[in-house]
């Protein structure tokens, strides 16, 4: 057996090892991307829920704030008139 055949065998073994590593890494990458997709969908749902809560709170607090402001101004007006 000459050195060329030995070199071909060694390179074939390393090629097989790197091919197996590549397959394992691709499978792991697919799993990670699926987990990222799940996390982003949960984050999107949470953001939408928070947005709806803020919209509801804004609808309630705006009239309350205006009534409080008007009441305060009315009290100042009544005190100044006396």
C-alpha atoms as a PDB file:
ATOM      1  CA  UNK A   1       0.000   0.000   0.000  1.00  0.00           C
ATOM      2  CA  UNK A   2       1.518   3.301  -0.951  1.00  0.00           C
ATOM      3  CA  UNK A   3       1.113   6.706   0.684  1.00  0.00           C
ATOM      4  CA  UNK A   4      -1.513   7.898  -1.754  1.00  0.00           C
ATOM      5  CA  UNK A   5      -3.950   5.173  -0.706  1.00  0.00           C
ATOM      6  CA  UNK A   6      -3.331   5.897   2.987  1.00  0.00           C
ATOM      7  CA  UNK A   7      -3.940   9.577   2.381  1.00  0.00           C
ATOM      8  CA  UNK A   8      -7.197   8.792   0.532  1.00  0.00           C
ATOM      9  CA  UNK A   9      -8.386   6.609   3.434  1.00  0.00           C
ATOM     10  CA  UNK A  10      -7.543   9.280   6.021  1.00  0.00           C
ATOM     11  CA  UNK A  11      -9.298  11.979   4.026  1.00  0.00           C
ATOM     12  CA  UNK A  12     -12.330   9.733   3.517  1.00  0.00           C
ATOM     13  CA  UNK A  13     -12.581   9.128   7.274  1.00  0.00           C
ATOM     14  CA  UNK A  14     -12.350  12.856   8.013  1.00  0.00           C
ATOM     15  CA  UNK A  15     -14.918  13.600   5.326  1.00  0.00           C
ATOM     16  CA  UNK A  16     -17.318  11.068   6.853  1.00  0.00           C
ATOM     17  CA  UNK A  17     -16.810  12.556  10.333  1.00  0.00           C
ATOM     18  CA  UNK A  18     -17.448  16.101   9.085  1.00  0.00           C
ATOM     19  CA  UNK A  19     -20.504  14.926   7.161  1.00  0.00           C
ATOM     20  CA  UNK A  20     -21.972  13.373  10.319  1.00  0.00           C
ATOM     21  CA  UNK A  21     -21.192  16.525  12.292  1.00  0.00           C
ATOM     22  CA  UNK A  22     -22.882  18.636   9.635  1.00  0.00           C
ATOM     23  CA  UNK A  23     -26.012  16.476   9.773  1.00  0.00           C
ATOM     24  CA  UNK A  24     -26.142  16.714  13.575  1.00  0.00           C
ATOM     25  CA  UNK A  25     -25.645  20.478  13.478  1.00  0.00           C
ATOM     26  CA  UNK A  26     -28.388  20.928  10.874  1.00  0.00           C
ATOM     27  CA  UNK A  27     -30.818  18.941  13.046  1.00  0.00           C
ATOM     28  CA  UNK A  28     -29.888  21.075  16.066  1.00  0.00           C
ATOM     29  CA  UNK A  29     -30.312  24.248  14.012  1.00  0.00           C
ATOM     30  CA  UNK A  30     -33.777  23.160  12.922  1.00  0.00           C
ATOM     31  CA  UNK A  31     -34.769  22.541  16.556  1.00  0.00           C
ATOM     32  CA  UNK A  32     -33.443  25.922  17.644  1.00  0.00           C
ATOM     33  CA  UNK A  33     -35.325  27.715  14.884  1.00  0.00           C
ATOM     34  CA  UNK A  34     -38.534  25.954  15.896  1.00  0.00           C
ATOM     35  CA  UNK A  35     -38.017  27.050  19.502  1.00  0.00           C
ATOM     36  CA  UNK A  36     -37.332  30.614  18.366  1.00  0.00           C
ATOM     37  CA  UNK A  37     -40.526  30.556  16.324  1.00  0.00           C
ATOM     38  CA  UNK A  38     -42.506  29.378  19.353  1.00  0.00           C
ATOM     39  CA  UNK A  39     -40.989  32.069  21.578  1.00  0.00           C
ATOM     40  CA  UNK A  40     -41.703  34.825  19.064  1.00  0.00           C
ATOM     41  CA  UNK A  41     -45.318  33.748  18.711  1.00  0.00           C
ATOM     42  CA  UNK A  42     -45.747  33.804  22.497  1.00  0.00           C
ATOM     43  CA  UNK A  43     -44.110  37.235  22.656  1.00  0.00           C
ATOM     44  CA  UNK A  44     -46.390  38.501  19.897  1.00  0.00           C
ATOM     45  CA  UNK A  45     -49.501  37.255  21.703  1.00  0.00           C
ATOM     46  CA  UNK A  46     -48.304  38.864  24.928  1.00  0.00           C
ATOM     47  CA  UNK A  47     -47.677  42.173  23.177  1.00  0.00           C
ATOM     48  CA  UNK A  48     -51.142  42.077  21.624  1.00  0.00           C
ATOM     49  CA  UNK A  49     -52.727  41.371  25.021  1.00  0.00           C
ATOM     50  CA  UNK A  50     -50.805  44.222  26.623  1.00  0.00           C
ATOM     51  CA  UNK A  51     -51.854  46.517  23.787  1.00  0.00           C
ATOM     52  CA  UNK A  52     -55.516  45.661  24.315  1.00  0.00           C
ATOM     53  CA  UNK A  53     -55.210  46.208  28.069  1.00  0.00           C
ATOM     54  CA  UNK A  54     -53.575  49.593  27.531  1.00  0.00           C
ATOM     55  CA  UNK A  55     -56.297  50.566  25.070  1.00  0.00           C
ATOM     56  CA  UNK A  56     -58.967  49.593  27.596  1.00  0.00           C
ATOM     57  CA  UNK A  57     -57.257  51.498  30.392  1.00  0.00           C
ATOM     58  CA  UNK A  58     -56.887  54.532  28.136  1.00  0.00           C
ATOM     59  CA  UNK A  59     -60.604  54.501  27.360  1.00  0.00           C
ATOM     60  CA  UNK A  60     -61.422  54.435  31.076  1.00  0.00           C
ATOM     61  CA  UNK A  61     -58.792  56.838  32.379  1.00  0.00           C
ATOM     62  CA  UNK A  62     -59.237  59.609  29.809  1.00  0.00           C
ATOM     63  CA  UNK A  63     -62.772  60.530  30.931  1.00  0.00           C
ATOM     64  CA  UNK A  64     -61.796  60.160  34.593  1.00  0.00           C
ATOM     65  CA  UNK A  65     -58.821  62.462  34.079  1.00  0.00           C
ATOM     66  CA  UNK A  66     -60.964  65.043  32.308  1.00  0.00           C
ATOM     67  CA  UNK A  67     -63.620  64.948  35.041  1.00  0.00           C
ATOM     68  CA  UNK A  68     -60.951  65.378  37.706  1.00  0.00           C
ATOM     69  CA  UNK A  69     -59.398  68.289  35.839  1.00  0.00           C
ATOM     70  CA  UNK A  70     -62.766  69.967  35.339  1.00  0.00           C
ATOM     71  CA  UNK A  71     -63.657  69.456  39.008  1.00  0.00           C
ATOM     72  CA  UNK A  72     -60.376  70.993  40.098  1.00  0.00           C
ATOM     73  CA  UNK A  73     -60.889  74.004  37.821  1.00  0.00           C
ATOM     74  CA  UNK A  74     -64.477  74.420  39.023  1.00  0.00           C
ATOM     75  CA  UNK A  75     -63.332  74.400  42.661  1.00  0.00           C
ATOM     76  CA  UNK A  76     -60.708  77.045  41.896  1.00  0.00           C
ATOM     77  CA  UNK A  77     -63.323  79.154  40.134  1.00  0.00           C
ATOM     78  CA  UNK A  78     -65.732  78.890  43.066  1.00  0.00           C
ATOM     79  CA  UNK A  79     -62.982  79.824  45.579  1.00  0.00           C
ATOM     80  CA  UNK A  80     -61.906  82.815  43.504  1.00  0.00           C
ATOM     81  CA  UNK A  81     -65.495  84.017  43.197  1.00  0.00           C
ATOM     82  CA  UNK A  82     -66.007  84.151  46.989  1.00  0.00           C
END
